[in-house]
Protein backbone atom coordinates (compact mmCIF):
# COMPACT_ATOMS: atom_id res chain seq x y z
CA UNK A 1 10.52 -6.50 8.29
CA UNK A 2 8.34 -8.45 5.81
CA UNK A 3 5.25 -6.57 7.19
CA UNK A 4 6.69 -3.30 5.93
CA UNK A 5 8.27 -4.37 2.67
CA UNK A 6 5.11 -4.35 0.48
CA UNK A 7 3.99 -0.90 2.21
CA UNK A 8 7.36 0.78 0.96
CA UNK A 9 6.82 -0.60 -2.48
CA UNK A 10 3.29 0.66 -2.75
CA UNK A 11 4.50 4.05 -1.20
CA UNK A 12 7.46 4.20 -3.97
CA UNK A 13 4.87 3.53 -6.78
CA UNK A 14 2.57 6.27 -5.49
CA UNK A 15 5.28 8.70 -5.59
CA UNK A 16 6.13 7.53 -9.16
CA UNK A 17 2.78 7.92 -10.36
CA UNK A 18 2.55 11.43 -8.66
CA UNK A 19 5.69 12.42 -10.24
CA UNK A 20 4.46 11.56 -13.76
CA UNK A 21 1.07 13.14 -13.29
CA UNK A 22 2.81 16.19 -12.07
CA UNK A 23 5.14 16.21 -14.77
CA UNK A 24 2.57 15.68 -17.70
CA UNK A 25 -0.33 17.30 -16.43
CA UNK A 26 -1.70 20.21 -18.38
CA UNK A 27 -1.81 23.57 -16.93
CA UNK A 28 -4.90 24.78 -15.05
CA UNK A 29 -6.92 27.46 -16.80
CA UNK A 30 -5.93 30.85 -16.02
CA UNK A 31 -2.34 29.85 -15.75
CA UNK A 32 -0.35 30.89 -18.81
CA UNK A 33 2.85 29.49 -20.06
CA UNK A 34 4.73 32.37 -18.30
CA UNK A 35 8.37 31.67 -17.25
CA UNK A 36 7.63 32.17 -13.68
CA UNK A 37 5.20 29.00 -13.99
CA UNK A 38 7.81 27.01 -15.63
CA UNK A 39 10.49 27.82 -13.04
CA UNK A 40 8.10 26.74 -10.44
CA UNK A 41 7.58 23.42 -12.23
CA UNK A 42 11.01 22.80 -12.73
CA UNK A 43 11.63 23.31 -8.86
CA UNK A 44 8.62 21.07 -8.07
CA UNK A 45 9.97 18.38 -10.67
CA UNK A 46 13.57 18.68 -9.15
CA UNK A 47 11.98 18.21 -5.53
CA UNK A 48 10.00 15.21 -6.59
CA UNK A 49 12.98 13.58 -8.42
CA UNK A 50 15.06 14.11 -5.28
CA UNK A 51 12.22 12.57 -3.19
CA UNK A 52 11.77 9.49 -5.47
CA UNK A 53 15.68 9.14 -5.51
CA UNK A 54 15.47 9.08 -1.72
CA UNK A 55 12.71 6.45 -1.80
CA UNK A 56 14.44 4.35 -4.28
CA UNK A 57 17.54 4.27 -2.06
CA UNK A 58 15.66 3.32 0.95
CA UNK A 59 13.88 0.73 -1.21
CA UNK A 60 17.09 -0.65 -2.15
CA UNK A 61 18.54 -0.76 1.41
CA UNK A 62 15.41 -2.55 2.89
CA UNK A 63 15.46 -5.05 0.04
CA UNK A 64 19.14 -5.71 0.84
CA UNK A 65 18.33 -6.22 4.61
CA UNK A 66 15.46 -8.36 3.66
CA UNK A 67 17.48 -10.55 1.61
CA UNK A 68 20.18 -10.95 4.33
CA UNK A 69 17.48 -11.86 7.08
CA UNK A 70 15.86 -14.17 4.58
CA UNK A 71 19.37 -15.97 3.93
CA UNK A 72 19.93 -16.20 7.64
CA UNK A 73 16.45 -17.89 8.18
CA UNK A 74 17.18 -20.39 5.57
CA UNK A 75 20.59 -21.10 7.33
CA UNK A 76 18.85 -21.67 10.63
CA UNK A 77 16.18 -23.78 9.15
CA UNK A 78 18.81 -25.99 7.47
CA UNK A 79 20.73 -26.26 10.72
CA UNK A 80 17.59 -27.19 12.47
CA UNK A 81 16.80 -29.97 9.99
CA UNK A 82 20.42 -31.35 10.23
CA UNK A 83 20.07 -31.34 13.95
CA UNK A 84 16.76 -33.23 13.88
CA UNK A 85 18.10 -35.70 11.47
CA UNK A 86 21.29 -36.67 13.66
CA UNK A 87 18.92 -37.00 16.83
CA UNK A 88 16.13 -38.82 15.02
CA UNK A 89 12.57 -38.49 15.31
CA UNK A 90 11.53 -37.78 18.87
CA UNK A 91 7.62 -38.37 18.44
């Protein structure tokens, strides 16, 4: 889980950057500001917003799973320390 968490964050930021570059980039030469171009841009923006929302939801779910696993690991570490303290040092 820990291995993939930073990769998901990096992918999310790449999509955010791509979204803003697409949203605010000037039109290439030869393309006029016609209504068809605006509709295509609106469709593309809507699609990218949808993908971004999906990635944010997945990131939230993975963050929650990571927090749960980390909490369980800490509980196990505390149980192990308590068990070793009761037995005494074996070495």
